[in-house]
Amino acid sequence: MWNVVKWIVKILLGLALLIVHWSLFLLYIILLALFRKYRQHRREQARPGEEEEQGVEYRDFELYDLEGQNEDGTDRQAIFNKCYRGDEVTVKYNPAPGHENRLEVWTKFGQIGLIAPFYAEQYADTFKSDTPARGRIKKISSGADAYCTLEIAFPVDEEPTA
């Protein structure tokens, strides 16, 4: 008699554990679907606008030095992975010893990389001004060959008509 009761208890306990296991699995699948929907919604919201701004011309720049640590100890790759196309960026001129033309690229999450010093020389007046240049992420790809293309806004000098 006790052997039968032990087997019934074991079977019921096994079924209870199985039900808990499958319930947690279904909860995991639902959470994954909700997270995917959230990321898709964020991507759609982050798409660059189609309207052209008056008095502004956008130029493309490649981002480099995506790996490594920032001065505050944060990981650039981790910050880069949080970014999406259309996110606003700010370019700050921040010379450092040995890097006279250092252009840091910042998002709302932190610094994600640098722009090549060649561009700092080429567009020195814009980048070395007191106001940081603004722009947005045009193309972004993470993974083994991570890259990012930025669109930086430059004021257009309008010539007066005579």
C-alpha atoms as a PDB file:
ATOM      1  CA  MET A   1       0.000   0.000   0.000  1.00  0.00           C
ATOM      2  CA  TRP A   2       2.732   2.459   0.932  1.00  0.00           C
ATOM      3  CA  ASN A   3       4.611   1.646  -2.276  1.00  0.00           C
ATOM      4  CA  VAL A   4       1.589   2.638  -4.340  1.00  0.00           C
ATOM      5  CA  VAL A   5       1.207   5.913  -2.412  1.00  0.00           C
ATOM      6  CA  LYS A   6       4.938   6.682  -2.904  1.00  0.00           C
ATOM      7  CA  TRP A   7       4.608   6.135  -6.657  1.00  0.00           C
ATOM      8  CA  ILE A   8       1.504   8.329  -6.852  1.00  0.00           C
ATOM      9  CA  VAL A   9       3.300  11.117  -4.918  1.00  0.00           C
ATOM     10  CA  LYS A  10       6.351  10.799  -7.195  1.00  0.00           C
ATOM     11  CA  ILE A  11       4.191  10.989 -10.327  1.00  0.00           C
ATOM     12  CA  LEU A  12       2.243  13.998  -9.031  1.00  0.00           C
ATOM     13  CA  LEU A  13       5.470  15.777  -8.013  1.00  0.00           C
ATOM     14  CA  GLY A  14       6.967  15.042 -11.431  1.00  0.00           C
ATOM     15  CA  LEU A  15       3.895  16.428 -13.194  1.00  0.00           C
ATOM     16  CA  ALA A  16       3.965  19.548 -10.998  1.00  0.00           C
ATOM     17  CA  LEU A  17       7.637  20.145 -11.830  1.00  0.00           C
ATOM     18  CA  LEU A  18       6.922  19.566 -15.516  1.00  0.00           C
ATOM     19  CA  ILE A  19       4.077  22.095 -15.439  1.00  0.00           C
ATOM     20  CA  VAL A  20       6.312  24.669 -13.687  1.00  0.00           C
ATOM     21  CA  HIS A  21       9.092  24.052 -16.226  1.00  0.00           C
ATOM     22  CA  TRP A  22       6.819  24.523 -19.252  1.00  0.00           C
ATOM     23  CA  SER A  23       5.181  27.579 -17.666  1.00  0.00           C
ATOM     24  CA  LEU A  24       8.567  29.231 -17.213  1.00  0.00           C
ATOM     25  CA  PHE A  25       9.484  28.312 -20.787  1.00  0.00           C
ATOM     26  CA  LEU A  26       6.293  29.931 -22.114  1.00  0.00           C
ATOM     27  CA  LEU A  27       6.951  33.022 -19.983  1.00  0.00           C
ATOM     28  CA  TYR A  28      10.451  33.227 -21.492  1.00  0.00           C
ATOM     29  CA  ILE A  29       9.035  33.011 -25.037  1.00  0.00           C
ATOM     30  CA  ILE A  30       6.486  35.743 -24.281  1.00  0.00           C
ATOM     31  CA  LEU A  31       9.175  38.014 -22.837  1.00  0.00           C
ATOM     32  CA  LEU A  32      11.354  37.473 -25.916  1.00  0.00           C
ATOM     33  CA  ALA A  33       8.460  38.410 -28.188  1.00  0.00           C
ATOM     34  CA  LEU A  34       7.723  41.562 -26.157  1.00  0.00           C
ATOM     35  CA  PHE A  35      11.396  42.568 -26.209  1.00  0.00           C
ATOM     36  CA  ARG A  36      11.528  42.057 -29.975  1.00  0.00           C
ATOM     37  CA  LYS A  37       8.427  44.201 -30.413  1.00  0.00           C
ATOM     38  CA  TYR A  38       9.974  46.907 -28.211  1.00  0.00           C
ATOM     39  CA  ARG A  39      13.199  46.914 -30.279  1.00  0.00           C
ATOM     40  CA  GLN A  40      11.229  47.105 -33.529  1.00  0.00           C
ATOM     41  CA  HIS A  41       9.182  50.009 -32.157  1.00  0.00           C
ATOM     42  CA  ARG A  42      12.396  51.795 -31.099  1.00  0.00           C
ATOM     43  CA  ARG A  43      13.934  51.286 -34.548  1.00  0.00           C
ATOM     44  CA  GLU A  44      10.853  52.746 -36.218  1.00  0.00           C
ATOM     45  CA  GLN A  45      10.891  55.746 -33.893  1.00  0.00           C
ATOM     46  CA  ALA A  46      14.596  56.321 -34.524  1.00  0.00           C
ATOM     47  CA  ARG A  47      14.357  56.583 -38.290  1.00  0.00           C
ATOM     48  CA  PRO A  48      15.765  59.856 -39.600  1.00  0.00           C
ATOM     49  CA  GLY A  49      13.203  62.328 -40.794  1.00  0.00           C
ATOM     50  CA  GLU A  50      12.782  62.878 -44.483  1.00  0.00           C
ATOM     51  CA  GLU A  51      12.434  66.630 -44.117  1.00  0.00           C
ATOM     52  CA  GLU A  52      15.450  68.734 -44.954  1.00  0.00           C
ATOM     53  CA  GLU A  53      16.490  71.330 -42.420  1.00  0.00           C
ATOM     54  CA  GLN A  54      16.939  74.878 -43.640  1.00  0.00           C
ATOM     55  CA  GLY A  55      20.472  76.277 -43.428  1.00  0.00           C
ATOM     56  CA  VAL A  56      22.027  72.892 -42.661  1.00  0.00           C
ATOM     57  CA  GLU A  57      23.981  70.514 -44.880  1.00  0.00           C
ATOM     58  CA  TYR A  58      24.725  66.963 -43.726  1.00  0.00           C
ATOM     59  CA  ARG A  59      28.071  65.304 -44.480  1.00  0.00           C
ATOM     60  CA  ASP A  60      28.923  61.650 -43.858  1.00  0.00           C
ATOM     61  CA  PHE A  61      31.754  60.511 -41.587  1.00  0.00           C
ATOM     62  CA  GLU A  62      32.950  57.041 -40.636  1.00  0.00           C
ATOM     63  CA  LEU A  63      33.331  56.270 -36.973  1.00  0.00           C
ATOM     64  CA  TYR A  64      36.437  54.463 -35.802  1.00  0.00           C
ATOM     65  CA  ASP A  65      37.984  53.260 -32.548  1.00  0.00           C
ATOM     66  CA  LEU A  66      34.762  51.543 -31.457  1.00  0.00           C
ATOM     67  CA  GLU A  67      36.503  49.157 -29.094  1.00  0.00           C
ATOM     68  CA  GLY A  68      38.186  49.772 -25.796  1.00  0.00           C
ATOM     69  CA  GLN A  69      37.445  51.796 -22.718  1.00  0.00           C
ATOM     70  CA  ASN A  70      36.453  55.429 -22.351  1.00  0.00           C
ATOM     71  CA  GLU A  71      38.200  57.703 -19.887  1.00  0.00           C
ATOM     72  CA  ASP A  72      35.403  57.117 -17.353  1.00  0.00           C
ATOM     73  CA  GLY A  73      35.849  53.321 -17.603  1.00  0.00           C
ATOM     74  CA  THR A  74      32.755  52.554 -19.696  1.00  0.00           C
ATOM     75  CA  ASP A  75      33.005  50.053 -22.543  1.00  0.00           C
ATOM     76  CA  ARG A  76      32.535  51.645 -25.985  1.00  0.00           C
ATOM     77  CA  GLN A  77      31.315  48.423 -27.558  1.00  0.00           C
ATOM     78  CA  ALA A  78      28.573  48.056 -24.944  1.00  0.00           C
ATOM     79  CA  ILE A  79      27.454  51.647 -25.563  1.00  0.00           C
ATOM     80  CA  PHE A  80      27.664  51.136 -29.339  1.00  0.00           C
ATOM     81  CA  ASN A  81      25.363  48.090 -29.099  1.00  0.00           C
ATOM     82  CA  LYS A  82      22.638  50.259 -27.520  1.00  0.00           C
ATOM     83  CA  CYS A  83      22.566  52.669 -30.488  1.00  0.00           C
ATOM     84  CA  TYR A  84      20.201  52.608 -33.439  1.00  0.00           C
ATOM     85  CA  ARG A  85      19.986  54.307 -36.791  1.00  0.00           C
ATOM     86  CA  GLY A  86      18.694  57.840 -36.353  1.00  0.00           C
ATOM     87  CA  ASP A  87      19.999  58.334 -32.809  1.00  0.00           C
ATOM     88  CA  GLU A  88      21.271  61.850 -32.186  1.00  0.00           C
ATOM     89  CA  VAL A  89      25.043  62.274 -31.750  1.00  0.00           C
ATOM     90  CA  THR A  90      27.243  65.129 -30.641  1.00  0.00           C
ATOM     91  CA  VAL A  91      30.815  65.590 -31.852  1.00  0.00           C
ATOM     92  CA  LYS A  92      33.114  67.239 -29.327  1.00  0.00           C
ATOM     93  CA  TYR A  93      36.585  68.533 -30.038  1.00  0.00           C
ATOM     94  CA  ASN A  94      38.737  67.274 -27.162  1.00  0.00           C
ATOM     95  CA  PRO A  95      42.503  67.406 -27.813  1.00  0.00           C
ATOM     96  CA  ALA A  96      44.610  64.997 -25.776  1.00  0.00           C
ATOM     97  CA  PRO A  97      48.380  64.563 -25.460  1.00  0.00           C
ATOM     98  CA  GLY A  98      49.565  62.930 -28.649  1.00  0.00           C
ATOM     99  CA  HIS A  99      46.150  63.432 -30.297  1.00  0.00           C
ATOM    100  CA  GLU A 100      45.886  67.083 -31.257  1.00  0.00           C
ATOM    101  CA  ASN A 101      42.801  66.677 -33.431  1.00  0.00           C
ATOM    102  CA  ARG A 102      40.685  64.346 -31.293  1.00  0.00           C
ATOM    103  CA  LEU A 103      36.971  64.308 -32.151  1.00  0.00           C
ATOM    104  CA  GLU A 104      34.822  62.346 -29.718  1.00  0.00           C
ATOM    105  CA  VAL A 105      31.373  61.106 -30.733  1.00  0.00           C
ATOM    106  CA  TRP A 106      28.785  61.066 -27.938  1.00  0.00           C
ATOM    107  CA  THR A 107      25.254  59.683 -27.768  1.00  0.00           C
ATOM    108  CA  LYS A 108      22.746  59.790 -24.938  1.00  0.00           C
ATOM    109  CA  PHE A 109      24.359  56.577 -23.654  1.00  0.00           C
ATOM    110  CA  GLY A 110      27.966  57.851 -23.657  1.00  0.00           C
ATOM    111  CA  GLN A 111      30.976  58.078 -25.953  1.00  0.00           C
ATOM    112  CA  ILE A 112      30.885  55.505 -28.755  1.00  0.00           C
ATOM    113  CA  GLY A 113      34.070  56.322 -30.638  1.00  0.00           C
ATOM    114  CA  LEU A 114      36.145  58.860 -32.516  1.00  0.00           C
ATOM    115  CA  ILE A 115      36.193  60.534 -35.914  1.00  0.00           C
ATOM    116  CA  ALA A 116      39.440  60.394 -37.861  1.00  0.00           C
ATOM    117  CA  PRO A 117      41.836  63.311 -37.170  1.00  0.00           C
ATOM    118  CA  PHE A 118      41.936  63.985 -40.919  1.00  0.00           C
ATOM    119  CA  TYR A 119      38.412  65.380 -40.723  1.00  0.00           C
ATOM    120  CA  ALA A 120      39.312  67.608 -37.786  1.00  0.00           C
ATOM    121  CA  GLU A 121      41.922  69.267 -39.966  1.00  0.00           C
ATOM    122  CA  GLN A 122      39.642  69.418 -42.993  1.00  0.00           C
ATOM    123  CA  TYR A 123      36.689  70.944 -41.097  1.00  0.00           C
ATOM    124  CA  ALA A 124      38.663  72.668 -38.352  1.00  0.00           C
ATOM    125  CA  ASP A 125      36.468  75.786 -38.110  1.00  0.00           C
ATOM    126  CA  THR A 126      33.312  73.789 -37.444  1.00  0.00           C
ATOM    127  CA  PHE A 127      34.740  71.211 -35.061  1.00  0.00           C
ATOM    128  CA  LYS A 128      36.989  73.537 -33.058  1.00  0.00           C
ATOM    129  CA  SER A 129      34.216  76.025 -32.321  1.00  0.00           C
ATOM    130  CA  ASP A 130      32.793  76.343 -28.806  1.00  0.00           C
ATOM    131  CA  THR A 131      29.495  74.688 -29.752  1.00  0.00           C
ATOM    132  CA  PRO A 132      29.753  70.935 -30.368  1.00  0.00           C
ATOM    133  CA  ALA A 133      28.686  69.688 -33.790  1.00  0.00           C
ATOM    134  CA  ARG A 134      25.465  67.669 -33.866  1.00  0.00           C
ATOM    135  CA  GLY A 135      24.321  64.909 -36.135  1.00  0.00           C
ATOM    136  CA  ARG A 136      22.747  61.471 -36.255  1.00  0.00           C
ATOM    137  CA  ILE A 137      23.629  57.878 -36.969  1.00  0.00           C
ATOM    138  CA  LYS A 138      22.999  57.129 -40.636  1.00  0.00           C
ATOM    139  CA  LYS A 139      24.121  53.477 -40.835  1.00  0.00           C
ATOM    140  CA  ILE A 140      25.054  51.106 -38.053  1.00  0.00           C
ATOM    141  CA  SER A 141      26.072  47.467 -37.941  1.00  0.00           C
ATOM    142  CA  SER A 142      27.272  45.548 -34.919  1.00  0.00           C
ATOM    143  CA  GLY A 143      29.033  42.222 -34.708  1.00  0.00           C
ATOM    144  CA  ALA A 144      32.517  41.146 -35.759  1.00  0.00           C
ATOM    145  CA  ASP A 145      32.827  43.893 -38.395  1.00  0.00           C
ATOM    146  CA  ALA A 146      31.073  46.694 -36.534  1.00  0.00           C
ATOM    147  CA  TYR A 147      30.883  50.026 -38.331  1.00  0.00           C
ATOM    148  CA  CYS A 148      28.957  53.240 -38.089  1.00  0.00           C
ATOM    149  CA  THR A 149      28.356  56.072 -40.532  1.00  0.00           C
ATOM    150  CA  LEU A 150      27.402  59.450 -39.100  1.00  0.00           C
ATOM    151  CA  GLU A 151      25.645  62.409 -40.676  1.00  0.00           C
ATOM    152  CA  ILE A 152      27.023  65.598 -39.164  1.00  0.00           C
ATOM    153  CA  ALA A 153      25.187  68.905 -39.668  1.00  0.00           C
ATOM    154  CA  PHE A 154      27.173  71.819 -41.040  1.00  0.00           C
ATOM    155  CA  PRO A 155      25.732  75.322 -41.305  1.00  0.00           C
ATOM    156  CA  VAL A 156      25.353  76.503 -44.879  1.00  0.00           C
ATOM    157  CA  ASP A 157      26.781  79.928 -45.552  1.00  0.00           C
ATOM    158  CA  GLU A 158      24.117  81.739 -47.501  1.00  0.00           C
ATOM    159  CA  GLU A 159      25.470  84.441 -49.713  1.00  0.00           C
ATOM    160  CA  PRO A 160      23.427  87.636 -49.830  1.00  0.00           C
ATOM    161  CA  THR A 161      21.902  88.389 -53.205  1.00  0.00           C
ATOM    162  CA  ALA A 162      22.943  91.697 -54.700  1.00  0.00           C
END
